[in-house]
Amino acid sequence: MQQPTPGESYRKLRTESLQSQNIIFERKIVPWFQASAVGFSNDLDRIISETVDADTGAIQVSNGRGDKGHGLEFELAARNASAWSVRSSYSILRTRKEETGTTTPNSPSGLAKLNLTVPSSRYASLGFELLYEAAQLNYAGTRIPSFFLSNATLSTRFRHSGWALSAGCYDLFNGQWATPTGLEVLAPATVQNRRTLQLRVSYRKAMAK
């Protein structure tokens, strides 16, 4: 175990514990369309955290009560013979601190995703992605707004050559978005990069048998 620095002490620590349970339901409506629902529960216990002794000012590292979370995720997916595909999902999340019963910081109440892939030619495809993250509170109790994020990618693969080329535009509509920060950062949120372009060239060589 790491030795404590001056002004810092460790109580006897136990390993953190995480228990997860999932229930999954899947149904193929027709050969090209299916739906699924997932219920899940996570229980994080004996979480290791730092506290400050009010009398001495020393930092104590000890196990505390953890977080409990549960949620539901719904997903629809479709794919036809011409390689068009659509996948959408929405997750409802609820996470609370066991000690206080309050909402766990940096924990959004909802997440959504939409993916669309369209073949644009025999060797190329166009992809579009839309992401949503609900508002959430950071560790200081500041509300970080929800945001939508859209990405588009054009990818090609040259058959038999091993070469592949892709061009992507991230944050397609140049919206402003930010993610909450941790305890060690003074700013309430980190403003992320806006519209970004990326070009990628790759080569894959099959290994000889």
N, C-alpha and C. Protein backbone atom coordinates (compact mmCIF):
# COMPACT_ATOMS: atom_id res chain seq x y z
N MET A 1 0.84 -1.20 0.00
CA MET A 1 0.00 0.00 0.00
C MET A 1 0.88 1.25 0.00
N GLN A 2 0.46 2.26 -0.69
CA GLN A 2 1.21 3.51 -0.76
C GLN A 2 1.31 4.13 0.63
N GLN A 3 2.52 4.60 0.98
CA GLN A 3 2.72 5.23 2.28
C GLN A 3 2.08 6.60 2.33
N PRO A 4 1.44 6.96 3.45
CA PRO A 4 0.80 8.27 3.54
C PRO A 4 1.81 9.40 3.54
N THR A 5 1.46 10.51 2.92
CA THR A 5 2.28 11.70 2.95
C THR A 5 2.01 12.44 4.25
N PRO A 6 2.87 13.44 4.63
CA PRO A 6 2.62 14.19 5.87
C PRO A 6 1.22 14.79 5.88
N GLY A 7 0.57 14.66 7.03
CA GLY A 7 -0.78 15.19 7.16
C GLY A 7 -1.84 14.28 6.57
N GLU A 8 -1.45 13.07 6.16
CA GLU A 8 -2.38 12.16 5.54
C GLU A 8 -2.27 10.81 6.23
N SER A 9 -3.41 10.16 6.50
CA SER A 9 -3.39 8.87 7.17
C SER A 9 -4.38 7.93 6.51
N TYR A 10 -4.07 6.65 6.61
CA TYR A 10 -4.93 5.61 6.05
C TYR A 10 -5.50 4.76 7.18
N ARG A 11 -6.79 4.55 7.16
CA ARG A 11 -7.37 3.53 7.98
C ARG A 11 -7.19 2.21 7.25
N LYS A 12 -7.52 1.11 7.90
CA LYS A 12 -7.42 -0.18 7.24
C LYS A 12 -8.43 -0.23 6.10
N LEU A 13 -7.92 -0.30 4.87
CA LEU A 13 -8.78 -0.25 3.70
C LEU A 13 -9.18 -1.65 3.24
N ARG A 14 -10.40 -1.75 2.75
CA ARG A 14 -10.89 -2.97 2.13
C ARG A 14 -11.10 -2.72 0.64
N THR A 15 -11.04 -3.79 -0.12
CA THR A 15 -11.22 -3.67 -1.57
C THR A 15 -12.64 -3.22 -1.89
N GLU A 16 -12.76 -2.28 -2.83
CA GLU A 16 -14.09 -1.87 -3.29
C GLU A 16 -14.82 -3.04 -3.92
N SER A 17 -16.13 -3.02 -3.81
CA SER A 17 -16.95 -4.12 -4.31
C SER A 17 -17.99 -3.59 -5.29
N LEU A 18 -18.15 -4.28 -6.42
CA LEU A 18 -19.15 -3.91 -7.42
C LEU A 18 -19.96 -5.14 -7.80
N GLN A 19 -21.27 -5.06 -7.61
CA GLN A 19 -22.17 -6.13 -8.01
C GLN A 19 -23.13 -5.61 -9.07
N SER A 20 -23.29 -6.38 -10.15
CA SER A 20 -24.16 -5.97 -11.26
C SER A 20 -25.13 -7.09 -11.58
N GLN A 21 -26.36 -6.69 -11.89
CA GLN A 21 -27.39 -7.63 -12.33
C GLN A 21 -28.04 -7.08 -13.60
N ASN A 22 -28.32 -7.98 -14.55
CA ASN A 22 -28.94 -7.58 -15.80
C ASN A 22 -30.05 -8.55 -16.19
N ILE A 23 -31.11 -8.00 -16.74
CA ILE A 23 -32.17 -8.80 -17.34
C ILE A 23 -32.34 -8.31 -18.77
N ILE A 24 -32.23 -9.22 -19.74
CA ILE A 24 -32.25 -8.86 -21.15
C ILE A 24 -33.42 -9.54 -21.86
N PHE A 25 -34.16 -8.75 -22.61
CA PHE A 25 -35.24 -9.28 -23.44
C PHE A 25 -34.99 -8.86 -24.88
N GLU A 26 -34.96 -9.83 -25.80
CA GLU A 26 -34.74 -9.55 -27.21
C GLU A 26 -35.84 -10.20 -28.04
N ARG A 27 -36.26 -9.48 -29.06
CA ARG A 27 -37.33 -9.99 -29.91
C ARG A 27 -37.09 -9.58 -31.35
N LYS A 28 -37.04 -10.57 -32.26
CA LYS A 28 -36.92 -10.28 -33.69
C LYS A 28 -38.34 -10.19 -34.25
N ILE A 29 -38.75 -8.97 -34.60
CA ILE A 29 -40.11 -8.75 -35.09
C ILE A 29 -40.29 -9.36 -36.48
N VAL A 30 -39.39 -9.01 -37.37
CA VAL A 30 -39.29 -9.58 -38.72
C VAL A 30 -37.81 -9.83 -38.96
N PRO A 31 -37.42 -10.55 -40.01
CA PRO A 31 -36.00 -10.87 -40.19
C PRO A 31 -35.07 -9.67 -40.20
N TRP A 32 -35.55 -8.51 -40.61
CA TRP A 32 -34.66 -7.34 -40.71
C TRP A 32 -34.85 -6.32 -39.59
N PHE A 33 -35.70 -6.63 -38.62
CA PHE A 33 -36.00 -5.66 -37.56
C PHE A 33 -36.11 -6.37 -36.22
N GLN A 34 -35.40 -5.85 -35.20
CA GLN A 34 -35.47 -6.45 -33.88
C GLN A 34 -35.48 -5.37 -32.80
N ALA A 35 -35.99 -5.75 -31.64
CA ALA A 35 -36.09 -4.84 -30.51
C ALA A 35 -35.53 -5.53 -29.26
N SER A 36 -35.03 -4.74 -28.34
CA SER A 36 -34.50 -5.31 -27.10
C SER A 36 -34.73 -4.34 -25.96
N ALA A 37 -34.79 -4.90 -24.76
CA ALA A 37 -34.91 -4.10 -23.54
C ALA A 37 -34.00 -4.72 -22.49
N VAL A 38 -33.29 -3.88 -21.77
CA VAL A 38 -32.35 -4.35 -20.74
C VAL A 38 -32.64 -3.60 -19.44
N GLY A 39 -32.82 -4.35 -18.39
CA GLY A 39 -32.91 -3.76 -17.06
C GLY A 39 -31.63 -4.08 -16.30
N PHE A 40 -31.06 -3.10 -15.64
CA PHE A 40 -29.78 -3.35 -14.97
C PHE A 40 -29.72 -2.65 -13.62
N SER A 41 -28.88 -3.20 -12.75
CA SER A 41 -28.69 -2.64 -11.42
C SER A 41 -27.22 -2.79 -11.04
N ASN A 42 -26.63 -1.73 -10.52
CA ASN A 42 -25.23 -1.74 -10.10
C ASN A 42 -25.13 -1.27 -8.65
N ASP A 43 -24.36 -2.00 -7.87
CA ASP A 43 -24.19 -1.67 -6.45
C ASP A 43 -22.70 -1.58 -6.15
N LEU A 44 -22.21 -0.34 -5.97
CA LEU A 44 -20.81 -0.11 -5.65
C LEU A 44 -20.70 0.12 -4.15
N ASP A 45 -19.92 -0.71 -3.48
CA ASP A 45 -19.82 -0.64 -2.02
C ASP A 45 -18.37 -0.50 -1.59
N ARG A 46 -18.18 -0.06 -0.35
CA ARG A 46 -16.86 0.14 0.25
C ARG A 46 -16.00 1.07 -0.59
N ILE A 47 -16.60 2.12 -1.13
CA ILE A 47 -15.89 3.04 -1.99
C ILE A 47 -14.78 3.74 -1.20
N ILE A 48 -13.59 3.87 -1.80
CA ILE A 48 -12.44 4.50 -1.14
C ILE A 48 -12.48 5.99 -1.42
N SER A 49 -12.46 6.78 -0.36
CA SER A 49 -12.55 8.23 -0.51
C SER A 49 -11.69 8.93 0.53
N GLU A 50 -11.48 10.22 0.32
CA GLU A 50 -10.69 11.04 1.24
C GLU A 50 -11.60 11.95 2.05
N THR A 51 -11.30 12.08 3.34
CA THR A 51 -12.00 13.02 4.21
C THR A 51 -10.95 13.82 5.00
N VAL A 52 -11.34 15.00 5.44
CA VAL A 52 -10.43 15.86 6.21
C VAL A 52 -10.88 15.88 7.66
N ASP A 53 -9.96 15.56 8.56
CA ASP A 53 -10.26 15.59 9.99
C ASP A 53 -10.43 17.04 10.42
N ALA A 54 -11.59 17.38 10.99
CA ALA A 54 -11.89 18.76 11.36
C ALA A 54 -10.97 19.28 12.46
N ASP A 55 -10.45 18.40 13.32
CA ASP A 55 -9.61 18.82 14.44
C ASP A 55 -8.15 18.99 14.04
N THR A 56 -7.63 18.08 13.24
CA THR A 56 -6.21 18.10 12.92
C THR A 56 -5.91 18.61 11.51
N GLY A 57 -6.90 18.59 10.64
CA GLY A 57 -6.67 18.98 9.26
C GLY A 57 -6.02 17.90 8.42
N ALA A 58 -5.80 16.72 9.02
CA ALA A 58 -5.17 15.62 8.30
C ALA A 58 -6.16 14.98 7.34
N ILE A 59 -5.64 14.50 6.24
CA ILE A 59 -6.47 13.81 5.25
C ILE A 59 -6.49 12.32 5.59
N GLN A 60 -7.68 11.77 5.72
CA GLN A 60 -7.84 10.36 6.01
C GLN A 60 -8.47 9.66 4.80
N VAL A 61 -7.88 8.53 4.43
CA VAL A 61 -8.39 7.74 3.33
C VAL A 61 -9.04 6.49 3.92
N SER A 62 -10.33 6.30 3.62
CA SER A 62 -11.05 5.19 4.24
C SER A 62 -12.16 4.71 3.33
N ASN A 63 -12.71 3.56 3.67
CA ASN A 63 -13.87 3.04 2.94
C ASN A 63 -15.14 3.73 3.42
N GLY A 64 -16.02 3.99 2.49
CA GLY A 64 -17.31 4.60 2.82
C GLY A 64 -18.41 3.88 2.08
N ARG A 65 -19.63 4.31 2.34
CA ARG A 65 -20.76 3.74 1.62
C ARG A 65 -20.71 4.21 0.17
N GLY A 66 -21.12 3.36 -0.71
CA GLY A 66 -20.94 3.66 -2.13
C GLY A 66 -22.19 4.19 -2.81
N ASP A 67 -22.35 3.81 -4.05
CA ASP A 67 -23.45 4.28 -4.89
C ASP A 67 -24.29 3.10 -5.37
N LYS A 68 -25.57 3.36 -5.55
CA LYS A 68 -26.46 2.37 -6.12
C LYS A 68 -27.13 2.97 -7.35
N GLY A 69 -27.13 2.21 -8.43
CA GLY A 69 -27.74 2.70 -9.65
C GLY A 69 -28.57 1.62 -10.31
N HIS A 70 -29.60 2.06 -11.00
CA HIS A 70 -30.42 1.13 -11.78
C HIS A 70 -30.96 1.87 -12.99
N GLY A 71 -31.40 1.12 -13.97
CA GLY A 71 -31.89 1.78 -15.17
C GLY A 71 -32.47 0.80 -16.17
N LEU A 72 -32.97 1.37 -17.25
CA LEU A 72 -33.54 0.62 -18.36
C LEU A 72 -32.95 1.14 -19.66
N GLU A 73 -32.72 0.23 -20.59
CA GLU A 73 -32.25 0.62 -21.92
C GLU A 73 -33.14 -0.05 -22.97
N PHE A 74 -33.64 0.74 -23.91
CA PHE A 74 -34.47 0.23 -25.00
C PHE A 74 -33.73 0.46 -26.30
N GLU A 75 -33.76 -0.55 -27.17
CA GLU A 75 -33.04 -0.44 -28.44
C GLU A 75 -33.86 -1.03 -29.57
N LEU A 76 -33.83 -0.34 -30.72
CA LEU A 76 -34.43 -0.81 -31.96
C LEU A 76 -33.34 -0.85 -33.02
N ALA A 77 -33.33 -1.92 -33.80
CA ALA A 77 -32.30 -2.06 -34.83
C ALA A 77 -32.91 -2.65 -36.09
N ALA A 78 -32.52 -2.11 -37.24
CA ALA A 78 -33.03 -2.59 -38.52
C ALA A 78 -31.88 -2.63 -39.52
N ARG A 79 -31.91 -3.64 -40.37
CA ARG A 79 -30.88 -3.77 -41.41
C ARG A 79 -31.48 -4.54 -42.58
N ASN A 80 -31.36 -3.99 -43.79
CA ASN A 80 -31.93 -4.68 -44.94
C ASN A 80 -30.84 -5.29 -45.81
N ALA A 81 -31.25 -5.95 -46.87
CA ALA A 81 -30.31 -6.69 -47.70
C ALA A 81 -29.33 -5.79 -48.43
N SER A 82 -29.67 -4.53 -48.65
CA SER A 82 -28.77 -3.62 -49.37
C SER A 82 -27.80 -2.90 -48.44
N ALA A 83 -27.70 -3.37 -47.18
CA ALA A 83 -26.73 -2.88 -46.18
C ALA A 83 -27.11 -1.56 -45.54
N TRP A 84 -28.35 -1.08 -45.74
CA TRP A 84 -28.82 0.03 -44.93
C TRP A 84 -29.01 -0.46 -43.50
N SER A 85 -28.64 0.32 -42.54
CA SER A 85 -28.86 -0.08 -41.15
C SER A 85 -29.18 1.14 -40.29
N VAL A 86 -30.07 0.93 -39.33
CA VAL A 86 -30.46 1.96 -38.37
C VAL A 86 -30.49 1.32 -36.99
N ARG A 87 -29.91 2.01 -36.02
CA ARG A 87 -29.93 1.53 -34.64
C ARG A 87 -30.17 2.71 -33.72
N SER A 88 -31.14 2.60 -32.87
CA SER A 88 -31.43 3.69 -31.93
C SER A 88 -31.64 3.10 -30.53
N SER A 89 -31.23 3.85 -29.53
CA SER A 89 -31.38 3.38 -28.16
C SER A 89 -31.61 4.56 -27.23
N TYR A 90 -32.27 4.27 -26.12
CA TYR A 90 -32.48 5.28 -25.08
C TYR A 90 -32.33 4.61 -23.73
N SER A 91 -31.56 5.23 -22.86
CA SER A 91 -31.30 4.69 -21.53
C SER A 91 -31.82 5.65 -20.46
N ILE A 92 -32.52 5.10 -19.48
CA ILE A 92 -32.98 5.85 -18.31
C ILE A 92 -32.13 5.41 -17.13
N LEU A 93 -31.46 6.33 -16.47
CA LEU A 93 -30.52 6.01 -15.41
C LEU A 93 -30.89 6.72 -14.12
N ARG A 94 -30.74 6.03 -13.01
CA ARG A 94 -30.94 6.62 -11.69
C ARG A 94 -29.83 6.12 -10.78
N THR A 95 -28.98 7.02 -10.32
CA THR A 95 -27.86 6.65 -9.45
C THR A 95 -27.87 7.54 -8.21
N ARG A 96 -27.79 6.92 -7.03
CA ARG A 96 -27.85 7.67 -5.78
C ARG A 96 -26.75 7.21 -4.82
N LYS A 97 -26.31 8.16 -4.00
CA LYS A 97 -25.32 7.87 -2.98
C LYS A 97 -26.04 7.23 -1.80
N GLU A 98 -25.53 6.09 -1.33
CA GLU A 98 -26.19 5.37 -0.24
C GLU A 98 -26.20 6.18 1.06
N GLU A 99 -25.15 6.95 1.28
CA GLU A 99 -25.02 7.64 2.57
C GLU A 99 -26.04 8.77 2.72
N THR A 100 -26.33 9.49 1.65
CA THR A 100 -27.20 10.66 1.74
C THR A 100 -28.51 10.49 0.99
N GLY A 101 -28.55 9.54 0.06
CA GLY A 101 -29.76 9.38 -0.75
C GLY A 101 -29.87 10.39 -1.88
N THR A 102 -28.87 11.22 -2.05
CA THR A 102 -28.90 12.24 -3.10
C THR A 102 -28.35 11.65 -4.41
N THR A 103 -28.64 12.34 -5.51
CA THR A 103 -28.17 11.89 -6.82
C THR A 103 -26.65 11.94 -6.89
N THR A 104 -26.05 10.91 -7.42
CA THR A 104 -24.60 10.85 -7.55
C THR A 104 -24.14 11.91 -8.56
N PRO A 105 -23.12 12.71 -8.23
CA PRO A 105 -22.63 13.72 -9.18
C PRO A 105 -22.11 13.07 -10.45
N ASN A 106 -22.10 13.85 -11.53
CA ASN A 106 -21.59 13.40 -12.83
C ASN A 106 -22.32 12.15 -13.30
N SER A 107 -23.62 12.13 -13.07
CA SER A 107 -24.43 10.97 -13.45
C SER A 107 -25.67 11.44 -14.19
N PRO A 108 -25.69 11.39 -15.54
CA PRO A 108 -26.86 11.85 -16.29
C PRO A 108 -28.05 10.93 -16.08
N SER A 109 -29.24 11.50 -16.19
CA SER A 109 -30.47 10.71 -16.00
C SER A 109 -30.93 10.05 -17.30
N GLY A 110 -30.36 10.43 -18.43
CA GLY A 110 -30.76 9.85 -19.69
C GLY A 110 -29.68 9.95 -20.75
N LEU A 111 -29.60 8.92 -21.58
CA LEU A 111 -28.67 8.88 -22.71
C LEU A 111 -29.42 8.35 -23.92
N ALA A 112 -29.15 8.92 -25.08
CA ALA A 112 -29.81 8.45 -26.31
C ALA A 112 -28.79 8.42 -27.43
N LYS A 113 -29.01 7.49 -28.37
CA LYS A 113 -28.09 7.33 -29.50
C LYS A 113 -28.88 6.90 -30.73
N LEU A 114 -28.52 7.49 -31.86
CA LEU A 114 -29.09 7.10 -33.15
C LEU A 114 -27.95 6.93 -34.14
N ASN A 115 -27.87 5.75 -34.78
CA ASN A 115 -26.85 5.48 -35.77
C ASN A 115 -27.51 5.08 -37.09
N LEU A 116 -27.05 5.68 -38.17
CA LEU A 116 -27.57 5.38 -39.50
C LEU A 116 -26.39 5.14 -40.44
N THR A 117 -26.42 4.01 -41.15
CA THR A 117 -25.39 3.70 -42.12
C THR A 117 -26.04 3.47 -43.48
N VAL A 118 -25.54 4.19 -44.49
CA VAL A 118 -26.11 4.12 -45.83
C VAL A 118 -25.00 3.79 -46.83
N PRO A 119 -25.14 2.74 -47.63
CA PRO A 119 -24.13 2.48 -48.66
C PRO A 119 -24.23 3.52 -49.76
N SER A 120 -23.13 4.23 -50.01
CA SER A 120 -23.14 5.27 -51.04
C SER A 120 -22.61 4.77 -52.37
N SER A 121 -21.90 3.65 -52.34
CA SER A 121 -21.42 3.01 -53.57
C SER A 121 -21.06 1.58 -53.21
N ARG A 122 -20.47 0.88 -54.15
CA ARG A 122 -20.12 -0.51 -53.91
C ARG A 122 -19.07 -0.66 -52.81
N TYR A 123 -18.18 0.31 -52.71
CA TYR A 123 -17.08 0.21 -51.76
C TYR A 123 -17.09 1.30 -50.69
N ALA A 124 -18.14 2.09 -50.62
CA ALA A 124 -18.17 3.20 -49.67
C ALA A 124 -19.50 3.24 -48.92
N SER A 125 -19.46 3.80 -47.73
CA SER A 125 -20.68 3.96 -46.95
C SER A 125 -20.64 5.27 -46.18
N LEU A 126 -21.81 5.82 -45.94
CA LEU A 126 -21.95 7.07 -45.22
C LEU A 126 -22.62 6.78 -43.88
N GLY A 127 -22.03 7.25 -42.81
CA GLY A 127 -22.58 7.02 -41.48
C GLY A 127 -22.94 8.32 -40.80
N PHE A 128 -24.04 8.30 -40.06
CA PHE A 128 -24.48 9.47 -39.29
C PHE A 128 -24.80 9.02 -37.88
N GLU A 129 -24.38 9.80 -36.90
CA GLU A 129 -24.59 9.47 -35.50
C GLU A 129 -25.10 10.69 -34.75
N LEU A 130 -26.12 10.50 -33.94
CA LEU A 130 -26.66 11.56 -33.10
C LEU A 130 -26.65 11.08 -31.66
N LEU A 131 -26.03 11.85 -30.79
CA LEU A 131 -25.90 11.48 -29.38
C LEU A 131 -26.59 12.53 -28.51
N TYR A 132 -27.19 12.07 -27.43
CA TYR A 132 -27.84 12.98 -26.48
C TYR A 132 -27.45 12.57 -25.07
N GLU A 133 -27.14 13.56 -24.24
CA GLU A 133 -26.84 13.32 -22.83
C GLU A 133 -27.63 14.32 -22.00
N ALA A 134 -28.41 13.82 -21.05
CA ALA A 134 -29.26 14.69 -20.23
C ALA A 134 -28.43 15.54 -19.27
N ALA A 135 -29.05 16.56 -18.74
CA ALA A 135 -28.38 17.44 -17.78
C ALA A 135 -27.98 16.65 -16.54
N GLN A 136 -26.96 17.14 -15.84
CA GLN A 136 -26.49 16.46 -14.63
C GLN A 136 -25.82 17.45 -13.71
N LEU A 137 -25.67 17.07 -12.45
CA LEU A 137 -25.01 17.91 -11.46
C LEU A 137 -23.56 17.48 -11.31
N ASN A 138 -22.66 18.47 -11.17
CA ASN A 138 -21.27 18.11 -10.89
C ASN A 138 -21.07 18.00 -9.38
N TYR A 139 -19.82 17.81 -8.95
CA TYR A 139 -19.55 17.61 -7.53
C TYR A 139 -19.83 18.85 -6.69
N ALA A 140 -19.83 20.02 -7.30
CA ALA A 140 -20.12 21.25 -6.57
C ALA A 140 -21.62 21.57 -6.56
N GLY A 141 -22.43 20.72 -7.19
CA GLY A 141 -23.87 20.95 -7.23
C GLY A 141 -24.30 21.86 -8.36
N THR A 142 -23.38 22.19 -9.27
CA THR A 142 -23.72 23.03 -10.41
C THR A 142 -24.37 22.18 -11.51
N ARG A 143 -25.45 22.67 -12.09
CA ARG A 143 -26.15 21.92 -13.14
C ARG A 143 -25.45 22.14 -14.47
N ILE A 144 -25.04 21.04 -15.08
CA ILE A 144 -24.40 21.08 -16.39
C ILE A 144 -25.47 20.76 -17.43
N PRO A 145 -25.72 21.65 -18.39
CA PRO A 145 -26.83 21.47 -19.33
C PRO A 145 -26.69 20.20 -20.18
N SER A 146 -27.83 19.74 -20.68
CA SER A 146 -27.85 18.63 -21.61
C SER A 146 -27.28 19.07 -22.96
N PHE A 147 -26.96 18.12 -23.82
CA PHE A 147 -26.45 18.48 -25.13
C PHE A 147 -26.75 17.38 -26.15
N PHE A 148 -26.82 17.80 -27.42
CA PHE A 148 -26.88 16.91 -28.56
C PHE A 148 -25.55 17.01 -29.30
N LEU A 149 -25.07 15.90 -29.81
CA LEU A 149 -23.82 15.87 -30.55
C LEU A 149 -24.04 15.03 -31.81
N SER A 150 -23.69 15.57 -32.97
CA SER A 150 -23.90 14.86 -34.23
C SER A 150 -22.56 14.66 -34.93
N ASN A 151 -22.38 13.46 -35.50
CA ASN A 151 -21.16 13.11 -36.21
C ASN A 151 -21.51 12.48 -37.55
N ALA A 152 -20.68 12.69 -38.55
CA ALA A 152 -20.87 12.09 -39.87
C ALA A 152 -19.54 11.54 -40.37
N THR A 153 -19.59 10.36 -40.99
CA THR A 153 -18.37 9.71 -41.46
C THR A 153 -18.60 9.09 -42.83
N LEU A 154 -17.66 9.31 -43.74
CA LEU A 154 -17.65 8.66 -45.05
C LEU A 154 -16.46 7.72 -45.07
N SER A 155 -16.72 6.44 -45.30
CA SER A 155 -15.62 5.46 -45.28
C SER A 155 -15.64 4.63 -46.53
N THR A 156 -14.47 4.28 -47.01
CA THR A 156 -14.31 3.45 -48.20
C THR A 156 -13.32 2.33 -47.90
N ARG A 157 -13.49 1.22 -48.58
CA ARG A 157 -12.54 0.12 -48.47
C ARG A 157 -12.29 -0.41 -49.88
N PHE A 158 -11.01 -0.42 -50.26
CA PHE A 158 -10.64 -0.88 -51.58
C PHE A 158 -10.41 -2.39 -51.53
N ARG A 159 -11.34 -3.12 -52.11
CA ARG A 159 -11.33 -4.57 -52.02
C ARG A 159 -10.04 -5.15 -52.60
N HIS A 160 -9.52 -6.15 -51.89
CA HIS A 160 -8.33 -6.91 -52.28
C HIS A 160 -7.02 -6.14 -52.08
N SER A 161 -7.07 -4.84 -51.84
CA SER A 161 -5.83 -4.09 -51.68
C SER A 161 -5.43 -3.93 -50.21
N GLY A 162 -6.39 -4.01 -49.29
CA GLY A 162 -6.10 -3.83 -47.88
C GLY A 162 -6.14 -2.39 -47.41
N TRP A 163 -6.29 -1.44 -48.34
CA TRP A 163 -6.33 -0.02 -47.98
C TRP A 163 -7.75 0.40 -47.62
N ALA A 164 -7.86 1.32 -46.67
CA ALA A 164 -9.16 1.87 -46.28
C ALA A 164 -8.99 3.36 -46.01
N LEU A 165 -10.00 4.13 -46.35
CA LEU A 165 -9.97 5.59 -46.19
C LEU A 165 -11.26 6.04 -45.54
N SER A 166 -11.16 6.91 -44.56
CA SER A 166 -12.35 7.46 -43.93
C SER A 166 -12.16 8.94 -43.63
N ALA A 167 -13.24 9.68 -43.74
CA ALA A 167 -13.24 11.12 -43.42
C ALA A 167 -14.43 11.37 -42.50
N GLY A 168 -14.17 12.02 -41.39
CA GLY A 168 -15.23 12.25 -40.42
C GLY A 168 -15.35 13.70 -40.02
N CYS A 169 -16.56 14.10 -39.72
CA CYS A 169 -16.84 15.44 -39.18
C CYS A 169 -17.55 15.24 -37.86
N TYR A 170 -16.93 15.66 -36.79
CA TYR A 170 -17.47 15.47 -35.45
C TYR A 170 -18.00 16.81 -34.92
N ASP A 171 -19.14 16.74 -34.25
CA ASP A 171 -19.91 17.93 -33.89
C ASP A 171 -20.27 18.67 -35.17
N LEU A 172 -21.02 17.97 -36.00
CA LEU A 172 -21.33 18.42 -37.36
C LEU A 172 -21.92 19.82 -37.42
N PHE A 173 -22.82 20.14 -36.47
CA PHE A 173 -23.50 21.43 -36.50
C PHE A 173 -22.84 22.48 -35.60
N ASN A 174 -21.60 22.17 -35.15
CA ASN A 174 -20.77 23.13 -34.43
C ASN A 174 -21.44 23.67 -33.17
N GLY A 175 -22.11 22.80 -32.44
CA GLY A 175 -22.75 23.21 -31.19
C GLY A 175 -21.76 23.25 -30.04
N GLN A 176 -22.07 24.02 -29.01
CA GLN A 176 -21.20 24.10 -27.84
C GLN A 176 -21.68 23.10 -26.80
N TRP A 177 -20.75 22.30 -26.26
CA TRP A 177 -21.11 21.32 -25.26
C TRP A 177 -19.99 21.15 -24.26
N ALA A 178 -20.35 20.69 -23.08
CA ALA A 178 -19.36 20.58 -22.01
C ALA A 178 -19.70 19.38 -21.14
N THR A 179 -18.69 18.82 -20.50
CA THR A 179 -18.85 17.69 -19.60
C THR A 179 -18.43 18.11 -18.19
N PRO A 180 -19.08 17.59 -17.15
CA PRO A 180 -18.75 18.00 -15.78
C PRO A 180 -17.36 17.54 -15.37
N THR A 181 -16.77 18.27 -14.44
CA THR A 181 -15.42 17.96 -13.97
C THR A 181 -15.48 17.25 -12.63
N GLY A 182 -14.31 16.78 -12.18
CA GLY A 182 -14.21 16.09 -10.90
C GLY A 182 -13.88 17.03 -9.76
N LEU A 183 -13.68 16.44 -8.59
CA LEU A 183 -13.42 17.24 -7.39
C LEU A 183 -12.13 18.05 -7.49
N GLU A 184 -11.15 17.52 -8.24
CA GLU A 184 -9.84 18.17 -8.28
C GLU A 184 -9.77 19.36 -9.22
N VAL A 185 -10.85 19.65 -9.95
CA VAL A 185 -10.86 20.74 -10.93
C VAL A 185 -11.80 21.84 -10.45
N LEU A 186 -11.33 23.10 -10.49
CA LEU A 186 -12.14 24.22 -10.00
C LEU A 186 -13.27 24.57 -10.95
N ALA A 187 -13.01 24.50 -12.26
CA ALA A 187 -14.05 24.84 -13.23
C ALA A 187 -15.20 23.83 -13.13
N PRO A 188 -16.46 24.28 -13.22
CA PRO A 188 -17.59 23.37 -13.09
C PRO A 188 -17.71 22.37 -14.22
N ALA A 189 -17.21 22.73 -15.42
CA ALA A 189 -17.32 21.84 -16.57
C ALA A 189 -16.16 22.11 -17.52
N THR A 190 -15.87 21.11 -18.34
CA THR A 190 -14.83 21.23 -19.36
C THR A 190 -15.49 21.41 -20.72
N VAL A 191 -15.28 22.56 -21.34
CA VAL A 191 -15.83 22.82 -22.66
C VAL A 191 -15.06 21.99 -23.67
N GLN A 192 -15.78 21.20 -24.46
CA GLN A 192 -15.15 20.29 -25.41
C GLN A 192 -14.96 20.96 -26.78
N ASN A 193 -14.12 20.33 -27.58
CA ASN A 193 -13.87 20.84 -28.93
C ASN A 193 -15.17 20.90 -29.73
N ARG A 194 -15.30 21.92 -30.55
CA ARG A 194 -16.47 22.03 -31.41
C ARG A 194 -16.20 21.28 -32.71
N ARG A 195 -16.71 21.74 -33.83
CA ARG A 195 -16.60 20.98 -35.07
C ARG A 195 -15.14 20.60 -35.36
N THR A 196 -14.93 19.31 -35.60
CA THR A 196 -13.59 18.79 -35.85
C THR A 196 -13.63 17.88 -37.07
N LEU A 197 -12.63 18.02 -37.94
CA LEU A 197 -12.51 17.18 -39.13
C LEU A 197 -11.37 16.20 -38.93
N GLN A 198 -11.58 14.97 -39.38
CA GLN A 198 -10.54 13.95 -39.22
C GLN A 198 -10.46 13.09 -40.47
N LEU A 199 -9.25 12.89 -40.96
CA LEU A 199 -9.01 12.04 -42.12
C LEU A 199 -8.12 10.88 -41.68
N ARG A 200 -8.51 9.68 -42.05
CA ARG A 200 -7.76 8.49 -41.60
C ARG A 200 -7.52 7.56 -42.78
N VAL A 201 -6.26 7.14 -42.92
CA VAL A 201 -5.88 6.17 -43.94
C VAL A 201 -5.26 4.97 -43.23
N SER A 202 -5.73 3.77 -43.57
CA SER A 202 -5.21 2.57 -42.92
C SER A 202 -4.95 1.48 -43.94
N TYR A 203 -4.08 0.57 -43.54
CA TYR A 203 -3.76 -0.55 -44.41
C TYR A 203 -3.71 -1.83 -43.58
N ARG A 204 -4.37 -2.86 -44.04
CA ARG A 204 -4.40 -4.13 -43.33
C ARG A 204 -3.91 -5.22 -44.27
N LYS A 205 -2.92 -5.95 -43.82
CA LYS A 205 -2.35 -7.03 -44.61
C LYS A 205 -2.71 -8.36 -43.99
N ALA A 206 -3.26 -9.24 -44.78
CA ALA A 206 -3.63 -10.56 -44.28
C ALA A 206 -2.38 -11.36 -43.98
N MET A 207 -2.39 -12.07 -42.85
CA MET A 207 -1.26 -12.90 -42.47
C MET A 207 -1.28 -14.20 -43.27
N ALA A 208 -0.11 -14.60 -43.72
CA ALA A 208 -0.01 -15.85 -44.47
C ALA A 208 -0.29 -17.03 -43.57
N LYS A 209 -1.01 -18.02 -44.08
CA LYS A 209 -1.34 -19.21 -43.29
C LYS A 209 -0.16 -20.19 -43.29
